[in-house]
Amino acid sequence: MRDLLESTHNRNIPDRELAINDGTRLKLRVWLRLLTCVDMIESLVRAELHAQFATTLPRFDVLAALDATNTDLTMTALSARLMVTSGNVTGLINAMEQDGLVVRRRHPTDRRSTLIGMTDAGRALFARMAPAHAQWIERAMAGLDRKHAALLWEMLGELKMNLRNPSAGTAPPTGDLRRVG
């Protein structure tokens, strides 16, 4: 796992924080470090999903969103959960439907909407992937003891609350926040 993290980091993930090494702009450096860590973990997860399940992170994310709600979702609701536009999800759903992982159903009360649900094959695949995904994340963060993980959780929670608080002078994010691919 460490070899995969190191090779992924060295090949694909720029160490963005090194661009600002003058000791100033600490908050910008924190943001860049956070972004680098997210990119490194996401790269690891993408590689493991491909190697172990011959699938992609966006497919995993769709199945995870459907599993979390335990119900069918409209394309709009699914897109909102994935934090991407409906247009970004349409091609993905088309491919997943062809592969028998999801199914489209007519919305019973809204003729303009289509519901997306998991098939038995989609549920079975997700049931195999979810525990593996959790293990990858645990291994990626193995260097953090419980105390530091709890501290990081708390600090990121404060950041999240500040970002959601309009009186803090931070506008809510707009546009696509996740990459689909």
N, C-alpha and C. Protein backbone atom coordinates (compact mmCIF):
# COMPACT_ATOMS: atom_id res chain seq x y z
N MET A 1 0.84 -1.19 0.00
CA MET A 1 0.00 0.00 0.00
C MET A 1 0.88 1.24 0.00
N ARG A 2 1.90 1.28 0.84
CA ARG A 2 2.77 2.44 0.88
C ARG A 2 3.44 2.64 -0.47
N ASP A 3 3.86 1.52 -1.12
CA ASP A 3 4.47 1.63 -2.44
C ASP A 3 3.51 2.25 -3.43
N LEU A 4 2.24 1.85 -3.37
CA LEU A 4 1.25 2.41 -4.28
C LEU A 4 1.06 3.89 -4.00
N LEU A 5 0.99 4.26 -2.72
CA LEU A 5 0.86 5.68 -2.39
C LEU A 5 2.06 6.47 -2.90
N GLU A 6 3.26 5.95 -2.68
CA GLU A 6 4.45 6.68 -3.10
C GLU A 6 4.54 6.77 -4.62
N SER A 7 4.25 5.68 -5.32
CA SER A 7 4.35 5.73 -6.78
C SER A 7 3.26 6.62 -7.36
N THR A 8 2.08 6.58 -6.77
CA THR A 8 0.99 7.45 -7.23
C THR A 8 1.36 8.90 -6.98
N HIS A 9 1.91 9.17 -5.80
CA HIS A 9 2.29 10.54 -5.45
C HIS A 9 3.38 11.05 -6.39
N ASN A 10 4.37 10.25 -6.60
CA ASN A 10 5.50 10.70 -7.41
C ASN A 10 5.13 10.90 -8.87
N ARG A 11 4.23 10.09 -9.40
CA ARG A 11 3.90 10.17 -10.82
C ARG A 11 2.82 11.20 -11.13
N ASN A 12 1.77 11.24 -10.33
CA ASN A 12 0.57 11.95 -10.75
C ASN A 12 0.19 13.17 -9.90
N ILE A 13 0.57 13.20 -8.67
CA ILE A 13 0.06 14.22 -7.77
C ILE A 13 1.15 15.24 -7.47
N PRO A 14 0.97 16.47 -7.95
CA PRO A 14 1.96 17.49 -7.63
C PRO A 14 1.87 17.88 -6.15
N ASP A 15 2.98 18.15 -5.55
CA ASP A 15 3.00 18.61 -4.17
C ASP A 15 2.82 20.12 -4.21
N ARG A 16 1.59 20.55 -4.31
CA ARG A 16 1.25 21.95 -4.56
C ARG A 16 1.79 22.92 -3.51
N GLU A 17 1.85 22.47 -2.28
CA GLU A 17 2.26 23.39 -1.21
C GLU A 17 3.71 23.84 -1.36
N LEU A 18 4.51 23.07 -2.07
CA LEU A 18 5.92 23.44 -2.25
C LEU A 18 6.07 24.70 -3.09
N ALA A 19 5.04 25.05 -3.84
CA ALA A 19 5.09 26.26 -4.66
C ALA A 19 5.11 27.51 -3.79
N ILE A 20 4.63 27.38 -2.57
CA ILE A 20 4.60 28.52 -1.65
C ILE A 20 5.39 28.12 -0.42
N ASN A 21 6.69 28.33 -0.46
CA ASN A 21 7.53 27.86 0.64
C ASN A 21 8.22 29.00 1.38
N ASP A 22 7.64 30.18 1.30
CA ASP A 22 8.30 31.33 1.91
C ASP A 22 7.86 31.57 3.35
N GLY A 23 7.08 30.65 3.92
CA GLY A 23 6.66 30.80 5.30
C GLY A 23 5.49 31.73 5.51
N THR A 24 4.99 32.33 4.45
CA THR A 24 3.83 33.21 4.57
C THR A 24 2.61 32.48 4.01
N ARG A 25 1.51 33.15 4.04
CA ARG A 25 0.26 32.63 3.49
C ARG A 25 -0.06 31.22 4.00
N LEU A 26 -0.06 31.07 5.31
CA LEU A 26 -0.27 29.78 5.94
C LEU A 26 -1.60 29.15 5.52
N LYS A 27 -2.66 29.93 5.47
CA LYS A 27 -3.95 29.35 5.13
C LYS A 27 -3.96 28.83 3.70
N LEU A 28 -3.30 29.52 2.80
CA LEU A 28 -3.19 29.01 1.43
C LEU A 28 -2.38 27.72 1.42
N ARG A 29 -1.32 27.66 2.19
CA ARG A 29 -0.50 26.45 2.26
C ARG A 29 -1.30 25.29 2.86
N VAL A 30 -2.13 25.57 3.86
CA VAL A 30 -2.99 24.53 4.44
C VAL A 30 -3.94 24.00 3.38
N TRP A 31 -4.56 24.92 2.63
CA TRP A 31 -5.48 24.51 1.56
C TRP A 31 -4.76 23.62 0.55
N LEU A 32 -3.57 24.01 0.15
CA LEU A 32 -2.83 23.23 -0.84
C LEU A 32 -2.43 21.85 -0.29
N ARG A 33 -2.08 21.80 0.99
CA ARG A 33 -1.76 20.50 1.60
C ARG A 33 -3.00 19.62 1.66
N LEU A 34 -4.12 20.20 2.04
CA LEU A 34 -5.38 19.46 2.10
C LEU A 34 -5.75 18.92 0.71
N LEU A 35 -5.63 19.76 -0.29
CA LEU A 35 -5.92 19.36 -1.66
C LEU A 35 -4.99 18.23 -2.12
N THR A 36 -3.72 18.34 -1.79
CA THR A 36 -2.76 17.30 -2.16
C THR A 36 -3.11 15.98 -1.48
N CYS A 37 -3.47 16.02 -0.20
CA CYS A 37 -3.85 14.79 0.52
C CYS A 37 -5.10 14.15 -0.10
N VAL A 38 -6.09 14.97 -0.41
CA VAL A 38 -7.31 14.45 -1.04
C VAL A 38 -6.97 13.82 -2.38
N ASP A 39 -6.16 14.50 -3.18
CA ASP A 39 -5.78 13.96 -4.48
C ASP A 39 -5.02 12.65 -4.34
N MET A 40 -4.14 12.56 -3.35
CA MET A 40 -3.37 11.33 -3.16
C MET A 40 -4.27 10.16 -2.75
N ILE A 41 -5.19 10.41 -1.84
CA ILE A 41 -6.09 9.34 -1.40
C ILE A 41 -7.03 8.96 -2.54
N GLU A 42 -7.54 9.95 -3.26
CA GLU A 42 -8.43 9.66 -4.38
C GLU A 42 -7.70 8.86 -5.45
N SER A 43 -6.46 9.18 -5.71
CA SER A 43 -5.67 8.44 -6.69
C SER A 43 -5.48 6.99 -6.25
N LEU A 44 -5.22 6.80 -4.98
CA LEU A 44 -5.09 5.45 -4.42
C LEU A 44 -6.39 4.68 -4.61
N VAL A 45 -7.52 5.29 -4.26
CA VAL A 45 -8.82 4.63 -4.36
C VAL A 45 -9.13 4.30 -5.82
N ARG A 46 -8.87 5.24 -6.72
CA ARG A 46 -9.10 4.97 -8.14
C ARG A 46 -8.28 3.77 -8.61
N ALA A 47 -7.00 3.72 -8.22
CA ALA A 47 -6.13 2.62 -8.63
C ALA A 47 -6.63 1.29 -8.06
N GLU A 48 -7.02 1.27 -6.81
CA GLU A 48 -7.50 0.03 -6.18
C GLU A 48 -8.84 -0.42 -6.79
N LEU A 49 -9.74 0.52 -7.04
CA LEU A 49 -11.02 0.16 -7.67
C LEU A 49 -10.77 -0.47 -9.04
N HIS A 50 -9.85 0.11 -9.78
CA HIS A 50 -9.53 -0.42 -11.10
C HIS A 50 -8.89 -1.81 -10.99
N ALA A 51 -7.91 -1.93 -10.11
CA ALA A 51 -7.16 -3.19 -9.98
C ALA A 51 -8.02 -4.32 -9.42
N GLN A 52 -8.82 -4.03 -8.41
CA GLN A 52 -9.55 -5.10 -7.72
C GLN A 52 -10.95 -5.35 -8.27
N PHE A 53 -11.56 -4.32 -8.87
CA PHE A 53 -12.95 -4.46 -9.29
C PHE A 53 -13.19 -4.05 -10.74
N ALA A 54 -12.14 -3.66 -11.46
CA ALA A 54 -12.26 -3.21 -12.85
C ALA A 54 -13.36 -2.17 -13.00
N THR A 55 -13.38 -1.21 -12.07
CA THR A 55 -14.38 -0.15 -12.13
C THR A 55 -13.73 1.18 -11.82
N THR A 56 -14.54 2.23 -11.81
CA THR A 56 -14.05 3.59 -11.61
C THR A 56 -14.63 4.20 -10.35
N LEU A 57 -13.99 5.25 -9.88
CA LEU A 57 -14.48 5.97 -8.71
C LEU A 57 -15.88 6.56 -8.94
N PRO A 58 -16.16 7.17 -10.10
CA PRO A 58 -17.51 7.67 -10.30
C PRO A 58 -18.58 6.57 -10.22
N ARG A 59 -18.29 5.39 -10.74
CA ARG A 59 -19.25 4.28 -10.64
C ARG A 59 -19.45 3.90 -9.17
N PHE A 60 -18.35 3.82 -8.44
CA PHE A 60 -18.45 3.53 -7.01
C PHE A 60 -19.31 4.59 -6.33
N ASP A 61 -19.06 5.86 -6.64
CA ASP A 61 -19.80 6.95 -6.02
C ASP A 61 -21.29 6.87 -6.30
N VAL A 62 -21.67 6.51 -7.52
CA VAL A 62 -23.09 6.36 -7.86
C VAL A 62 -23.71 5.25 -7.01
N LEU A 63 -23.05 4.11 -6.96
CA LEU A 63 -23.59 3.00 -6.16
C LEU A 63 -23.64 3.36 -4.68
N ALA A 64 -22.63 4.08 -4.19
CA ALA A 64 -22.61 4.50 -2.79
C ALA A 64 -23.77 5.44 -2.49
N ALA A 65 -24.04 6.37 -3.40
CA ALA A 65 -25.15 7.32 -3.19
C ALA A 65 -26.48 6.59 -3.17
N LEU A 66 -26.66 5.64 -4.08
CA LEU A 66 -27.91 4.88 -4.12
C LEU A 66 -28.04 3.99 -2.88
N ASP A 67 -26.94 3.40 -2.45
CA ASP A 67 -26.96 2.54 -1.27
C ASP A 67 -27.29 3.36 -0.02
N ALA A 68 -26.71 4.55 0.08
CA ALA A 68 -26.91 5.38 1.28
C ALA A 68 -28.37 5.79 1.46
N THR A 69 -29.07 6.00 0.35
CA THR A 69 -30.47 6.42 0.46
C THR A 69 -31.40 5.22 0.55
N ASN A 70 -30.92 4.06 0.11
CA ASN A 70 -31.72 2.84 0.12
C ASN A 70 -33.03 3.01 -0.63
N THR A 71 -33.00 3.86 -1.65
CA THR A 71 -34.17 4.09 -2.48
C THR A 71 -33.72 4.60 -3.84
N ASP A 72 -34.61 4.61 -4.80
CA ASP A 72 -34.29 5.18 -6.10
C ASP A 72 -34.19 6.70 -5.96
N LEU A 73 -33.36 7.30 -6.82
CA LEU A 73 -33.18 8.75 -6.81
C LEU A 73 -33.46 9.30 -8.20
N THR A 74 -33.98 10.51 -8.25
CA THR A 74 -34.07 11.19 -9.53
C THR A 74 -32.66 11.55 -9.97
N MET A 75 -32.50 11.82 -11.25
CA MET A 75 -31.19 12.21 -11.76
C MET A 75 -30.73 13.49 -11.05
N THR A 76 -31.64 14.41 -10.79
CA THR A 76 -31.30 15.66 -10.11
C THR A 76 -30.81 15.38 -8.69
N ALA A 77 -31.52 14.52 -7.96
CA ALA A 77 -31.11 14.20 -6.60
C ALA A 77 -29.78 13.46 -6.58
N LEU A 78 -29.59 12.54 -7.52
CA LEU A 78 -28.32 11.81 -7.61
C LEU A 78 -27.17 12.78 -7.92
N SER A 79 -27.40 13.67 -8.87
CA SER A 79 -26.38 14.66 -9.23
C SER A 79 -26.03 15.53 -8.04
N ALA A 80 -27.04 15.93 -7.27
CA ALA A 80 -26.79 16.77 -6.09
C ALA A 80 -25.94 16.01 -5.06
N ARG A 81 -26.25 14.75 -4.85
CA ARG A 81 -25.47 13.95 -3.90
C ARG A 81 -24.02 13.77 -4.36
N LEU A 82 -23.83 13.67 -5.68
CA LEU A 82 -22.49 13.50 -6.22
C LEU A 82 -21.78 14.83 -6.42
N MET A 83 -22.52 15.93 -6.27
CA MET A 83 -22.01 17.28 -6.43
C MET A 83 -21.49 17.53 -7.84
N VAL A 84 -22.22 17.05 -8.83
CA VAL A 84 -21.93 17.30 -10.24
C VAL A 84 -23.24 17.63 -10.94
N THR A 85 -23.15 18.06 -12.19
CA THR A 85 -24.36 18.38 -12.93
C THR A 85 -25.00 17.10 -13.46
N SER A 86 -26.28 17.19 -13.76
CA SER A 86 -26.99 16.03 -14.33
C SER A 86 -26.34 15.59 -15.63
N GLY A 87 -25.86 16.53 -16.41
CA GLY A 87 -25.20 16.19 -17.67
C GLY A 87 -23.97 15.32 -17.45
N ASN A 88 -23.25 15.56 -16.36
CA ASN A 88 -22.08 14.75 -16.06
C ASN A 88 -22.46 13.31 -15.70
N VAL A 89 -23.63 13.14 -15.13
CA VAL A 89 -24.04 11.82 -14.65
C VAL A 89 -24.73 11.00 -15.75
N THR A 90 -25.31 11.66 -16.74
CA THR A 90 -26.10 10.95 -17.75
C THR A 90 -25.31 9.87 -18.46
N GLY A 91 -24.14 10.18 -18.96
CA GLY A 91 -23.33 9.18 -19.66
C GLY A 91 -22.91 8.05 -18.75
N LEU A 92 -22.60 8.39 -17.51
CA LEU A 92 -22.22 7.39 -16.53
C LEU A 92 -23.38 6.43 -16.26
N ILE A 93 -24.57 6.97 -16.08
CA ILE A 93 -25.75 6.14 -15.84
C ILE A 93 -26.05 5.28 -17.06
N ASN A 94 -25.90 5.85 -18.26
CA ASN A 94 -26.12 5.06 -19.48
C ASN A 94 -25.22 3.82 -19.49
N ALA A 95 -23.94 4.02 -19.21
CA ALA A 95 -22.98 2.91 -19.22
C ALA A 95 -23.28 1.91 -18.10
N MET A 96 -23.61 2.42 -16.92
CA MET A 96 -23.90 1.53 -15.80
C MET A 96 -25.19 0.74 -16.04
N GLU A 97 -26.14 1.35 -16.73
CA GLU A 97 -27.38 0.64 -17.08
C GLU A 97 -27.07 -0.48 -18.07
N GLN A 98 -26.24 -0.19 -19.06
CA GLN A 98 -25.84 -1.22 -20.03
C GLN A 98 -25.13 -2.38 -19.35
N ASP A 99 -24.38 -2.08 -18.30
CA ASP A 99 -23.66 -3.11 -17.56
C ASP A 99 -24.52 -3.82 -16.52
N GLY A 100 -25.78 -3.41 -16.41
CA GLY A 100 -26.70 -4.08 -15.49
C GLY A 100 -26.54 -3.70 -14.03
N LEU A 101 -25.90 -2.55 -13.75
CA LEU A 101 -25.68 -2.14 -12.37
C LEU A 101 -26.78 -1.23 -11.83
N VAL A 102 -27.40 -0.46 -12.72
CA VAL A 102 -28.51 0.42 -12.35
C VAL A 102 -29.63 0.25 -13.36
N VAL A 103 -30.79 0.72 -12.96
CA VAL A 103 -31.95 0.67 -13.84
C VAL A 103 -32.68 2.00 -13.75
N ARG A 104 -33.25 2.41 -14.88
CA ARG A 104 -34.09 3.62 -14.91
C ARG A 104 -35.54 3.18 -14.79
N ARG A 105 -36.29 3.96 -14.02
CA ARG A 105 -37.73 3.71 -13.88
C ARG A 105 -38.47 5.03 -14.07
N ARG A 106 -39.66 4.94 -14.58
CA ARG A 106 -40.50 6.14 -14.66
C ARG A 106 -40.87 6.61 -13.27
N HIS A 107 -40.84 7.90 -13.08
CA HIS A 107 -41.27 8.47 -11.81
C HIS A 107 -42.79 8.35 -11.75
N PRO A 108 -43.34 7.85 -10.64
CA PRO A 108 -44.79 7.62 -10.60
C PRO A 108 -45.64 8.88 -10.63
N THR A 109 -45.09 10.01 -10.19
CA THR A 109 -45.90 11.23 -10.13
C THR A 109 -45.38 12.37 -10.99
N ASP A 110 -44.19 12.24 -11.54
CA ASP A 110 -43.60 13.31 -12.34
C ASP A 110 -43.09 12.73 -13.66
N ARG A 111 -43.84 12.97 -14.71
CA ARG A 111 -43.49 12.39 -16.02
C ARG A 111 -42.17 12.92 -16.56
N ARG A 112 -41.73 14.06 -16.07
CA ARG A 112 -40.47 14.63 -16.55
C ARG A 112 -39.26 13.99 -15.89
N SER A 113 -39.46 13.28 -14.79
CA SER A 113 -38.35 12.72 -14.03
C SER A 113 -38.22 11.22 -14.24
N THR A 114 -37.01 10.78 -14.15
CA THR A 114 -36.71 9.35 -14.19
C THR A 114 -36.02 9.00 -12.88
N LEU A 115 -36.37 7.85 -12.35
CA LEU A 115 -35.73 7.38 -11.13
C LEU A 115 -34.60 6.42 -11.49
N ILE A 116 -33.51 6.52 -10.75
CA ILE A 116 -32.37 5.63 -10.93
C ILE A 116 -32.29 4.75 -9.70
N GLY A 117 -32.21 3.45 -9.92
CA GLY A 117 -32.09 2.51 -8.81
C GLY A 117 -31.03 1.47 -9.09
N MET A 118 -30.57 0.83 -8.02
CA MET A 118 -29.56 -0.23 -8.17
C MET A 118 -30.25 -1.55 -8.52
N THR A 119 -29.61 -2.31 -9.37
CA THR A 119 -30.06 -3.66 -9.65
C THR A 119 -29.45 -4.58 -8.59
N ASP A 120 -29.86 -5.84 -8.62
CA ASP A 120 -29.25 -6.81 -7.71
C ASP A 120 -27.75 -6.92 -7.97
N ALA A 121 -27.37 -6.87 -9.24
CA ALA A 121 -25.94 -6.93 -9.59
C ALA A 121 -25.20 -5.71 -9.04
N GLY A 122 -25.82 -4.54 -9.12
CA GLY A 122 -25.21 -3.33 -8.56
C GLY A 122 -25.06 -3.42 -7.06
N ARG A 123 -26.09 -3.93 -6.38
CA ARG A 123 -26.02 -4.09 -4.93
C ARG A 123 -24.92 -5.09 -4.54
N ALA A 124 -24.83 -6.18 -5.29
CA ALA A 124 -23.82 -7.20 -4.99
C ALA A 124 -22.41 -6.63 -5.19
N LEU A 125 -22.21 -5.89 -6.27
CA LEU A 125 -20.90 -5.28 -6.51
C LEU A 125 -20.55 -4.30 -5.40
N PHE A 126 -21.50 -3.44 -5.05
CA PHE A 126 -21.23 -2.45 -4.00
C PHE A 126 -20.95 -3.14 -2.67
N ALA A 127 -21.65 -4.21 -2.38
CA ALA A 127 -21.44 -4.95 -1.12
C ALA A 127 -20.01 -5.51 -1.05
N ARG A 128 -19.42 -5.80 -2.18
CA ARG A 128 -18.02 -6.27 -2.21
C ARG A 128 -17.05 -5.09 -2.15
N MET A 129 -17.40 -4.00 -2.82
CA MET A 129 -16.48 -2.85 -2.89
C MET A 129 -16.43 -2.04 -1.60
N ALA A 130 -17.54 -1.85 -0.92
CA ALA A 130 -17.59 -0.95 0.25
C ALA A 130 -16.61 -1.35 1.35
N PRO A 131 -16.54 -2.63 1.74
CA PRO A 131 -15.56 -2.97 2.79
C PRO A 131 -14.12 -2.78 2.32
N ALA A 132 -13.85 -3.07 1.06
CA ALA A 132 -12.50 -2.88 0.53
C ALA A 132 -12.16 -1.39 0.54
N HIS A 133 -13.10 -0.56 0.13
CA HIS A 133 -12.91 0.89 0.13
C HIS A 133 -12.58 1.38 1.54
N ALA A 134 -13.33 0.92 2.52
CA ALA A 134 -13.08 1.33 3.91
C ALA A 134 -11.67 0.92 4.35
N GLN A 135 -11.23 -0.26 3.95
CA GLN A 135 -9.87 -0.72 4.30
C GLN A 135 -8.81 0.16 3.64
N TRP A 136 -9.03 0.56 2.39
CA TRP A 136 -8.06 1.41 1.70
C TRP A 136 -7.90 2.74 2.42
N ILE A 137 -9.03 3.30 2.85
CA ILE A 137 -8.99 4.58 3.55
C ILE A 137 -8.29 4.41 4.90
N GLU A 138 -8.62 3.34 5.61
CA GLU A 138 -7.95 3.07 6.89
C GLU A 138 -6.43 2.96 6.69
N ARG A 139 -6.01 2.22 5.67
CA ARG A 139 -4.57 2.06 5.41
C ARG A 139 -3.93 3.37 4.99
N ALA A 140 -4.63 4.16 4.20
CA ALA A 140 -4.08 5.45 3.75
C ALA A 140 -3.86 6.39 4.93
N MET A 141 -4.69 6.26 5.96
CA MET A 141 -4.59 7.13 7.13
C MET A 141 -3.96 6.42 8.33
N ALA A 142 -3.30 5.31 8.08
CA ALA A 142 -2.73 4.51 9.17
C ALA A 142 -1.69 5.29 9.97
N GLY A 143 -1.08 6.28 9.38
CA GLY A 143 -0.08 7.07 10.08
C GLY A 143 -0.65 8.01 11.13
N LEU A 144 -1.97 8.18 11.13
CA LEU A 144 -2.62 9.02 12.14
C LEU A 144 -3.12 8.14 13.28
N ASP A 145 -2.69 8.42 14.50
CA ASP A 145 -3.27 7.67 15.62
C ASP A 145 -4.67 8.20 15.88
N ARG A 146 -5.40 7.55 16.75
CA ARG A 146 -6.80 7.90 17.00
C ARG A 146 -6.93 9.35 17.48
N LYS A 147 -6.02 9.79 18.34
CA LYS A 147 -6.07 11.16 18.88
C LYS A 147 -5.93 12.18 17.75
N HIS A 148 -4.96 11.97 16.87
CA HIS A 148 -4.75 12.92 15.78
C HIS A 148 -5.88 12.86 14.74
N ALA A 149 -6.40 11.67 14.50
CA ALA A 149 -7.54 11.55 13.58
C ALA A 149 -8.74 12.31 14.13
N ALA A 150 -8.98 12.18 15.44
CA ALA A 150 -10.11 12.90 16.06
C ALA A 150 -9.89 14.41 16.01
N LEU A 151 -8.66 14.83 16.22
CA LEU A 151 -8.35 16.26 16.15
C LEU A 151 -8.56 16.79 14.73
N LEU A 152 -8.08 16.04 13.74
CA LEU A 152 -8.28 16.44 12.35
C LEU A 152 -9.76 16.50 12.01
N TRP A 153 -10.53 15.52 12.47
CA TRP A 153 -11.99 15.48 12.27
C TRP A 153 -12.63 16.75 12.84
N GLU A 154 -12.24 17.10 14.05
CA GLU A 154 -12.79 18.28 14.71
C GLU A 154 -12.42 19.56 13.95
N MET A 155 -11.16 19.67 13.58
CA MET A 155 -10.70 20.89 12.89
C MET A 155 -11.37 21.03 11.53
N LEU A 156 -11.49 19.93 10.80
CA LEU A 156 -12.17 20.00 9.50
C LEU A 156 -13.65 20.30 9.68
N GLY A 157 -14.23 19.84 10.77
CA GLY A 157 -15.62 20.18 11.08
C GLY A 157 -15.80 21.68 11.29
N GLU A 158 -14.85 22.29 11.98
CA GLU A 158 -14.89 23.74 12.18
C GLU A 158 -14.75 24.47 10.84
N LEU A 159 -13.83 24.01 10.01
CA LEU A 159 -13.67 24.61 8.69
C LEU A 159 -14.97 24.49 7.90
N LYS A 160 -15.57 23.32 7.93
CA LYS A 160 -16.83 23.08 7.20
C LYS A 160 -17.93 24.02 7.70
N MET A 161 -18.04 24.20 9.01
CA MET A 161 -19.06 25.11 9.56
C MET A 161 -18.78 26.54 9.12
N ASN A 162 -17.52 26.95 9.12
CA ASN A 162 -17.17 28.30 8.69
C ASN A 162 -17.50 28.51 7.21
N LEU A 163 -17.28 27.49 6.40
CA LEU A 163 -17.57 27.61 4.97
C LEU A 163 -19.08 27.71 4.71
N ARG A 164 -19.86 27.10 5.58
CA ARG A 164 -21.32 27.14 5.41
C ARG A 164 -21.95 28.38 6.02
N ASN A 165 -21.20 29.12 6.81
CA ASN A 165 -21.72 30.27 7.51
C ASN A 165 -21.52 31.52 6.66
N PRO A 166 -22.60 32.03 6.04
CA PRO A 166 -22.44 33.21 5.19
C PRO A 166 -21.93 34.44 5.94
N SER A 167 -22.18 34.54 7.24
CA SER A 167 -21.72 35.71 7.99
C SER A 167 -20.20 35.70 8.17
N ALA A 168 -19.58 34.55 7.89
CA ALA A 168 -18.12 34.48 8.00
C ALA A 168 -17.45 35.07 6.77
N GLY A 169 -18.27 35.53 5.81
CA GLY A 169 -17.71 36.15 4.62
C GLY A 169 -17.29 35.17 3.55
N THR A 170 -17.70 33.92 3.71
CA THR A 170 -17.35 32.90 2.73
C THR A 170 -18.59 32.51 1.96
N ALA A 171 -18.55 32.71 0.68
CA ALA A 171 -19.69 32.33 -0.15
C ALA A 171 -19.71 30.81 -0.31
N PRO A 172 -20.91 30.22 -0.41
CA PRO A 172 -20.98 28.78 -0.64
C PRO A 172 -20.38 28.43 -1.99
N PRO A 173 -19.81 27.22 -2.11
CA PRO A 173 -19.19 26.84 -3.37
C PRO A 173 -20.21 26.73 -4.49
N THR A 174 -19.75 26.94 -5.71
CA THR A 174 -20.62 26.78 -6.87
C THR A 174 -19.93 25.88 -7.87
N GLY A 175 -20.72 25.36 -8.79
CA GLY A 175 -20.15 24.52 -9.86
C GLY A 175 -19.90 23.11 -9.40
N ASP A 176 -19.22 22.37 -10.22
CA ASP A 176 -18.91 20.98 -9.94
C ASP A 176 -17.74 20.89 -8.97
N LEU A 177 -17.94 20.19 -7.87
CA LEU A 177 -16.90 20.09 -6.87
C LEU A 177 -16.13 18.79 -6.98
N ARG A 178 -16.66 17.81 -7.69
CA ARG A 178 -15.97 16.53 -7.86
C ARG A 178 -15.70 16.30 -9.31
N ARG A 179 -14.67 15.55 -9.57
CA ARG A 179 -14.34 15.21 -10.94
C ARG A 179 -15.04 13.92 -11.31
N VAL A 180 -15.63 13.89 -12.47
CA VAL A 180 -16.24 12.66 -12.97
C VAL A 180 -15.32 12.12 -14.04
N GLY A 181 -15.02 10.85 -13.98
CA GLY A 181 -14.14 10.28 -14.99
C GLY A 181 -13.76 8.88 -14.71
